[in-house]
Amino acid sequence: MAKIYLTRQGDAYDIIAYRVYGSEQRAMDVARANPVHLDTVFFRAGVALVLPDLPKQYVDRPSPPWRRR
């Protein structure tokens, strides 16, 4: 079951993907799940976006060493 994300003022797909999935590389997955908002670069607060369920391998994959803190 897909989840819903309510945007914050100034959110963009890469920021949302990083917050939710831990990687901005999932930004296109979030964008594809919300075709009505494909032309949006920065969101206003309170827009409901669908967050796709990603295969576990994408969500739990560790970051490369240079990205770890």
PDB file of N, CA and C in Angstrom:
ATOM      1  N   MET A   1       0.845  -1.181   0.000  1.00  0.00           N
ATOM      2  CA  MET A   1       0.000   0.000   0.000  1.00  0.00           C
ATOM      3  C   MET A   1       0.891   1.245   0.000  1.00  0.00           C
ATOM      4  N   ALA A   2       0.622   2.146  -0.911  1.00  0.00           N
ATOM      5  CA  ALA A   2       1.392   3.385  -1.007  1.00  0.00           C
ATOM      6  C   ALA A   2       1.036   4.314   0.158  1.00  0.00           C
ATOM      7  N   LYS A   3       1.976   5.138   0.515  1.00  0.00           N
ATOM      8  CA  LYS A   3       1.784   6.100   1.596  1.00  0.00           C
ATOM      9  C   LYS A   3       1.595   7.489   0.992  1.00  0.00           C
ATOM     10  N   ILE A   4       1.104   8.398   1.813  1.00  0.00           N
ATOM     11  CA  ILE A   4       0.900   9.785   1.396  1.00  0.00           C
ATOM     12  C   ILE A   4       1.892  10.664   2.146  1.00  0.00           C
ATOM     13  N   TYR A   5       2.488  11.616   1.433  1.00  0.00           N
ATOM     14  CA  TYR A   5       3.416  12.576   2.013  1.00  0.00           C
ATOM     15  C   TYR A   5       2.824  13.962   1.811  1.00  0.00           C
ATOM     16  N   LEU A   6       2.716  14.745   2.872  1.00  0.00           N
ATOM     17  CA  LEU A   6       2.282  16.132   2.770  1.00  0.00           C
ATOM     18  C   LEU A   6       3.514  17.013   2.678  1.00  0.00           C
ATOM     19  N   THR A   7       3.575  17.790   1.613  1.00  0.00           N
ATOM     20  CA  THR A   7       4.772  18.599   1.363  1.00  0.00           C
ATOM     21  C   THR A   7       4.896  19.746   2.352  1.00  0.00           C
ATOM     22  N   ARG A   8       6.140  20.168   2.484  1.00  0.00           N
ATOM     23  CA  ARG A   8       6.466  21.384   3.226  1.00  0.00           C
ATOM     24  C   ARG A   8       6.781  22.457   2.186  1.00  0.00           C
ATOM     25  N   GLN A   9       6.635  23.707   2.548  1.00  0.00           N
ATOM     26  CA  GLN A   9       6.949  24.800   1.641  1.00  0.00           C
ATOM     27  C   GLN A   9       8.381  24.645   1.124  1.00  0.00           C
ATOM     28  N   GLY A  10       8.542  24.646  -0.202  1.00  0.00           N
ATOM     29  CA  GLY A  10       9.872  24.570  -0.797  1.00  0.00           C
ATOM     30  C   GLY A  10      10.378  23.170  -1.068  1.00  0.00           C
ATOM     31  N   ASP A  11       9.613  22.144  -0.700  1.00  0.00           N
ATOM     32  CA  ASP A  11      10.024  20.769  -1.000  1.00  0.00           C
ATOM     33  C   ASP A  11      10.198  20.580  -2.502  1.00  0.00           C
ATOM     34  N   ALA A  12      11.125  19.732  -2.871  1.00  0.00           N
ATOM     35  CA  ALA A  12      11.325  19.296  -4.249  1.00  0.00           C
ATOM     36  C   ALA A  12      11.426  17.778  -4.211  1.00  0.00           C
ATOM     37  N   TYR A  13      11.311  17.146  -5.367  1.00  0.00           N
ATOM     38  CA  TYR A  13      11.315  15.682  -5.404  1.00  0.00           C
ATOM     39  C   TYR A  13      12.564  15.079  -4.767  1.00  0.00           C
ATOM     40  N   ASP A  14      13.718  15.670  -5.001  1.00  0.00           N
ATOM     41  CA  ASP A  14      14.945  15.099  -4.430  1.00  0.00           C
ATOM     42  C   ASP A  14      14.970  15.215  -2.912  1.00  0.00           C
ATOM     43  N   ILE A  15      14.468  16.308  -2.393  1.00  0.00           N
ATOM     44  CA  ILE A  15      14.420  16.497  -0.936  1.00  0.00           C
ATOM     45  C   ILE A  15      13.451  15.488  -0.306  1.00  0.00           C
ATOM     46  N   ILE A  16      12.305  15.307  -0.943  1.00  0.00           N
ATOM     47  CA  ILE A  16      11.312  14.358  -0.441  1.00  0.00           C
ATOM     48  C   ILE A  16      11.879  12.948  -0.455  1.00  0.00           C
ATOM     49  N   ALA A  17      12.502  12.566  -1.559  1.00  0.00           N
ATOM     50  CA  ALA A  17      13.085  11.225  -1.670  1.00  0.00           C
ATOM     51  C   ALA A  17      14.152  11.002  -0.608  1.00  0.00           C
ATOM     52  N   TYR A  18      14.958  12.006  -0.343  1.00  0.00           N
ATOM     53  CA  TYR A  18      16.001  11.868   0.681  1.00  0.00           C
ATOM     54  C   TYR A  18      15.371  11.688   2.061  1.00  0.00           C
ATOM     55  N   ARG A  19      14.360  12.484   2.369  1.00  0.00           N
ATOM     56  CA  ARG A  19      13.700  12.370   3.682  1.00  0.00           C
ATOM     57  C   ARG A  19      13.039  11.004   3.874  1.00  0.00           C
ATOM     58  N   VAL A  20      12.380  10.527   2.836  1.00  0.00           N
ATOM     59  CA  VAL A  20      11.578   9.314   2.953  1.00  0.00           C
ATOM     60  C   VAL A  20      12.399   8.047   2.763  1.00  0.00           C
ATOM     61  N   TYR A  21      13.248   8.029   1.723  1.00  0.00           N
ATOM     62  CA  TYR A  21      13.967   6.813   1.357  1.00  0.00           C
ATOM     63  C   TYR A  21      15.451   6.846   1.714  1.00  0.00           C
ATOM     64  N   GLY A  22      15.944   8.021   2.134  1.00  0.00           N
ATOM     65  CA  GLY A  22      17.355   8.129   2.488  1.00  0.00           C
ATOM     66  C   GLY A  22      18.269   8.330   1.298  1.00  0.00           C
ATOM     67  N   SER A  23      17.702   8.583   0.121  1.00  0.00           N
ATOM     68  CA  SER A  23      18.503   8.797  -1.081  1.00  0.00           C
ATOM     69  C   SER A  23      17.737   9.673  -2.058  1.00  0.00           C
ATOM     70  N   GLU A  24      18.380  10.725  -2.511  1.00  0.00           N
ATOM     71  CA  GLU A  24      17.754  11.585  -3.507  1.00  0.00           C
ATOM     72  C   GLU A  24      17.649  10.893  -4.865  1.00  0.00           C
ATOM     73  N   GLN A  25      18.319   9.773  -5.028  1.00  0.00           N
ATOM     74  CA  GLN A  25      18.248   9.015  -6.285  1.00  0.00           C
ATOM     75  C   GLN A  25      16.863   8.411  -6.514  1.00  0.00           C
ATOM     76  N   ARG A  26      16.019   8.393  -5.538  1.00  0.00           N
ATOM     77  CA  ARG A  26      14.652   7.879  -5.685  1.00  0.00           C
ATOM     78  C   ARG A  26      13.678   8.975  -6.101  1.00  0.00           C
ATOM     79  N   ALA A  27      14.177  10.174  -6.419  1.00  0.00           N
ATOM     80  CA  ALA A  27      13.317  11.308  -6.777  1.00  0.00           C
ATOM     81  C   ALA A  27      12.432  11.005  -7.980  1.00  0.00           C
ATOM     82  N   MET A  28      12.956  10.331  -8.989  1.00  0.00           N
ATOM     83  CA  MET A  28      12.161  10.012 -10.171  1.00  0.00           C
ATOM     84  C   MET A  28      11.034   9.033  -9.841  1.00  0.00           C
ATOM     85  N   ASP A  29      11.269   8.144  -8.880  1.00  0.00           N
ATOM     86  CA  ASP A  29      10.205   7.221  -8.460  1.00  0.00           C
ATOM     87  C   ASP A  29       9.041   8.003  -7.854  1.00  0.00           C
ATOM     88  N   VAL A  30       9.366   9.001  -7.036  1.00  0.00           N
ATOM     89  CA  VAL A  30       8.323   9.829  -6.420  1.00  0.00           C
ATOM     90  C   VAL A  30       7.612  10.644  -7.506  1.00  0.00           C
ATOM     91  N   ALA A  31       8.361  11.212  -8.435  1.00  0.00           N
ATOM     92  CA  ALA A  31       7.764  12.011  -9.506  1.00  0.00           C
ATOM     93  C   ALA A  31       6.835  11.160 -10.374  1.00  0.00           C
ATOM     94  N   ARG A  32       7.281   9.969 -10.741  1.00  0.00           N
ATOM     95  CA  ARG A  32       6.452   9.086 -11.587  1.00  0.00           C
ATOM     96  C   ARG A  32       5.159   8.659 -10.893  1.00  0.00           C
ATOM     97  N   ALA A  33       5.189   8.577  -9.590  1.00  0.00           N
ATOM     98  CA  ALA A  33       3.997   8.191  -8.831  1.00  0.00           C
ATOM     99  C   ALA A  33       2.988   9.334  -8.723  1.00  0.00           C
ATOM    100  N   ASN A  34       3.399  10.525  -9.146  1.00  0.00           N
ATOM    101  CA  ASN A  34       2.549  11.717  -9.043  1.00  0.00           C
ATOM    102  C   ASN A  34       2.528  12.474 -10.369  1.00  0.00           C
ATOM    103  N   PRO A  35       1.998  11.857 -11.419  1.00  0.00           N
ATOM    104  CA  PRO A  35       2.088  12.468 -12.748  1.00  0.00           C
ATOM    105  C   PRO A  35       1.414  13.828 -12.872  1.00  0.00           C
ATOM    106  N   VAL A  36       0.420  14.108 -12.055  1.00  0.00           N
ATOM    107  CA  VAL A  36      -0.250  15.405 -12.127  1.00  0.00           C
ATOM    108  C   VAL A  36       0.687  16.538 -11.694  1.00  0.00           C
ATOM    109  N   HIS A  37       1.758  16.230 -10.983  1.00  0.00           N
ATOM    110  CA  HIS A  37       2.693  17.247 -10.482  1.00  0.00           C
ATOM    111  C   HIS A  37       4.044  17.200 -11.186  1.00  0.00           C
ATOM    112  N   LEU A  38       4.131  16.567 -12.338  1.00  0.00           N
ATOM    113  CA  LEU A  38       5.430  16.435 -13.012  1.00  0.00           C
ATOM    114  C   LEU A  38       6.056  17.778 -13.371  1.00  0.00           C
ATOM    115  N   ASP A  39       5.268  18.803 -13.595  1.00  0.00           N
ATOM    116  CA  ASP A  39       5.810  20.119 -13.943  1.00  0.00           C
ATOM    117  C   ASP A  39       6.206  20.941 -12.724  1.00  0.00           C
ATOM    118  N   THR A  40       5.953  20.443 -11.532  1.00  0.00           N
ATOM    119  CA  THR A  40       6.272  21.181 -10.307  1.00  0.00           C
ATOM    120  C   THR A  40       7.726  20.971  -9.932  1.00  0.00           C
ATOM    121  N   VAL A  41       8.415  22.076  -9.662  1.00  0.00           N
ATOM    122  CA  VAL A  41       9.808  21.996  -9.212  1.00  0.00           C
ATOM    123  C   VAL A  41       9.857  22.134  -7.693  1.00  0.00           C
ATOM    124  N   PHE A  42       9.238  23.194  -7.172  1.00  0.00           N
ATOM    125  CA  PHE A  42       9.167  23.420  -5.732  1.00  0.00           C
ATOM    126  C   PHE A  42       7.700  23.429  -5.320  1.00  0.00           C
ATOM    127  N   PHE A  43       7.395  22.664  -4.286  1.00  0.00           N
ATOM    128  CA  PHE A  43       6.015  22.531  -3.838  1.00  0.00           C
ATOM    129  C   PHE A  43       5.664  23.571  -2.796  1.00  0.00           C
ATOM    130  N   ARG A  44       4.385  23.907  -2.779  1.00  0.00           N
ATOM    131  CA  ARG A  44       3.855  24.704  -1.668  1.00  0.00           C
ATOM    132  C   ARG A  44       3.546  23.733  -0.534  1.00  0.00           C
ATOM    133  N   ALA A  45       3.308  24.237   0.631  1.00  0.00           N
ATOM    134  CA  ALA A  45       3.009  23.380   1.778  1.00  0.00           C
ATOM    135  C   ALA A  45       1.643  22.735   1.623  1.00  0.00           C
ATOM    136  N   GLY A  46       1.538  21.476   2.055  1.00  0.00           N
ATOM    137  CA  GLY A  46       0.259  20.797   2.138  1.00  0.00           C
ATOM    138  C   GLY A  46      -0.199  20.043   0.909  1.00  0.00           C
ATOM    139  N   VAL A  47       0.677  19.855  -0.077  1.00  0.00           N
ATOM    140  CA  VAL A  47       0.304  19.068  -1.254  1.00  0.00           C
ATOM    141  C   VAL A  47       0.459  17.587  -0.909  1.00  0.00           C
ATOM    142  N   ALA A  48      -0.573  16.810  -1.174  1.00  0.00           N
ATOM    143  CA  ALA A  48      -0.534  15.379  -0.861  1.00  0.00           C
ATOM    144  C   ALA A  48       0.078  14.630  -2.043  1.00  0.00           C
ATOM    145  N   LEU A  49       1.200  13.965  -1.808  1.00  0.00           N
ATOM    146  CA  LEU A  49       1.880  13.175  -2.833  1.00  0.00           C
ATOM    147  C   LEU A  49       1.844  11.702  -2.452  1.00  0.00           C
ATOM    148  N   VAL A  50       1.726  10.863  -3.451  1.00  0.00           N
ATOM    149  CA  VAL A  50       1.783   9.421  -3.245  1.00  0.00           C
ATOM    150  C   VAL A  50       3.246   9.007  -3.195  1.00  0.00           C
ATOM    151  N   LEU A  51       3.606   8.225  -2.194  1.00  0.00           N
ATOM    152  CA  LEU A  51       4.959   7.667  -2.095  1.00  0.00           C
ATOM    153  C   LEU A  51       4.895   6.210  -2.517  1.00  0.00           C
ATOM    154  N   PRO A  52       5.592   5.868  -3.587  1.00  0.00           N
ATOM    155  CA  PRO A  52       5.519   4.492  -4.057  1.00  0.00           C
ATOM    156  C   PRO A  52       6.227   3.535  -3.110  1.00  0.00           C
ATOM    157  N   ASP A  53       5.725   2.313  -3.073  1.00  0.00           N
ATOM    158  CA  ASP A  53       6.423   1.260  -2.340  1.00  0.00           C
ATOM    159  C   ASP A  53       7.593   0.808  -3.217  1.00  0.00           C
ATOM    160  N   LEU A  54       8.794   0.903  -2.698  1.00  0.00           N
ATOM    161  CA  LEU A  54       9.976   0.489  -3.438  1.00  0.00           C
ATOM    162  C   LEU A  54      10.415  -0.885  -2.971  1.00  0.00           C
ATOM    163  N   PRO A  55      11.032  -1.635  -3.854  1.00  0.00           N
ATOM    164  CA  PRO A  55      11.582  -2.924  -3.405  1.00  0.00           C
ATOM    165  C   PRO A  55      12.535  -2.707  -2.241  1.00  0.00           C
ATOM    166  N   LYS A  56      12.523  -3.622  -1.302  1.00  0.00           N
ATOM    167  CA  LYS A  56      13.336  -3.493  -0.093  1.00  0.00           C
ATOM    168  C   LYS A  56      14.805  -3.258  -0.421  1.00  0.00           C
ATOM    169  N   GLN A  57      15.308  -3.827  -1.485  1.00  0.00           N
ATOM    170  CA  GLN A  57      16.714  -3.668  -1.835  1.00  0.00           C
ATOM    171  C   GLN A  57      17.080  -2.201  -2.040  1.00  0.00           C
ATOM    172  N   TYR A  58      16.128  -1.368  -2.521  1.00  0.00           N
ATOM    173  CA  TYR A  58      16.413   0.040  -2.727  1.00  0.00           C
ATOM    174  C   TYR A  58      16.375   0.831  -1.437  1.00  0.00           C
ATOM    175  N   VAL A  59      15.496   0.463  -0.554  1.00  0.00           N
ATOM    176  CA  VAL A  59      15.327   1.213   0.685  1.00  0.00           C
ATOM    177  C   VAL A  59      16.447   0.918   1.671  1.00  0.00           C
ATOM    178  N   ASP A  60      16.869  -0.332   1.783  1.00  0.00           N
ATOM    179  CA  ASP A  60      17.845  -0.710   2.801  1.00  0.00           C
ATOM    180  C   ASP A  60      19.293  -0.757   2.307  1.00  0.00           C
ATOM    181  N   ARG A  61      19.513  -0.390   1.058  1.00  0.00           N
ATOM    182  CA  ARG A  61      20.870  -0.440   0.534  1.00  0.00           C
ATOM    183  C   ARG A  61      21.742   0.572   1.277  1.00  0.00           C
ATOM    184  N   PRO A  62      22.908   0.159   1.772  1.00  0.00           N
ATOM    185  CA  PRO A  62      23.755   1.095   2.501  1.00  0.00           C
ATOM    186  C   PRO A  62      24.349   2.149   1.576  1.00  0.00           C
ATOM    187  N   SER A  63      24.635   3.306   2.133  1.00  0.00           N
ATOM    188  CA  SER A  63      25.268   4.378   1.371  1.00  0.00           C
ATOM    189  C   SER A  63      26.719   4.022   1.095  1.00  0.00           C
ATOM    190  N   PRO A  64      27.278   4.540   0.005  1.00  0.00           N
ATOM    191  CA  PRO A  64      28.698   4.327  -0.243  1.00  0.00           C
ATOM    192  C   PRO A  64      29.520   5.019   0.842  1.00  0.00           C
ATOM    193  N   PRO A  65      30.750   4.587   1.066  1.00  0.00           N
ATOM    194  CA  PRO A  65      31.557   5.119   2.168  1.00  0.00           C
ATOM    195  C   PRO A  65      31.693   6.638   2.176  1.00  0.00           C
ATOM    196  N   TRP A  66      31.792   7.265   1.019  1.00  0.00           N
ATOM    197  CA  TRP A  66      31.973   8.719   0.983  1.00  0.00           C
ATOM    198  C   TRP A  66      30.717   9.480   1.354  1.00  0.00           C
ATOM    199  N   ARG A  67      29.557   8.799   1.401  1.00  0.00           N
ATOM    200  CA  ARG A  67      28.311   9.445   1.780  1.00  0.00           C
ATOM    201  C   ARG A  67      27.984   9.264   3.259  1.00  0.00           C
ATOM    202  N   ARG A  68      28.688   8.363   3.929  1.00  0.00           N
ATOM    203  CA  ARG A  68      28.390   8.084   5.338  1.00  0.00           C
ATOM    204  C   ARG A  68      28.995   9.153   6.224  1.00  0.00           C
ATOM    205  N   ARG A  69      28.326   9.386   7.325  1.00  0.00           N
ATOM    206  CA  ARG A  69      28.847  10.397   8.279  1.00  0.00           C
ATOM    207  C   ARG A  69      29.180   9.742   9.574  1.00  0.00           C
TER     208      ARG A  69
END
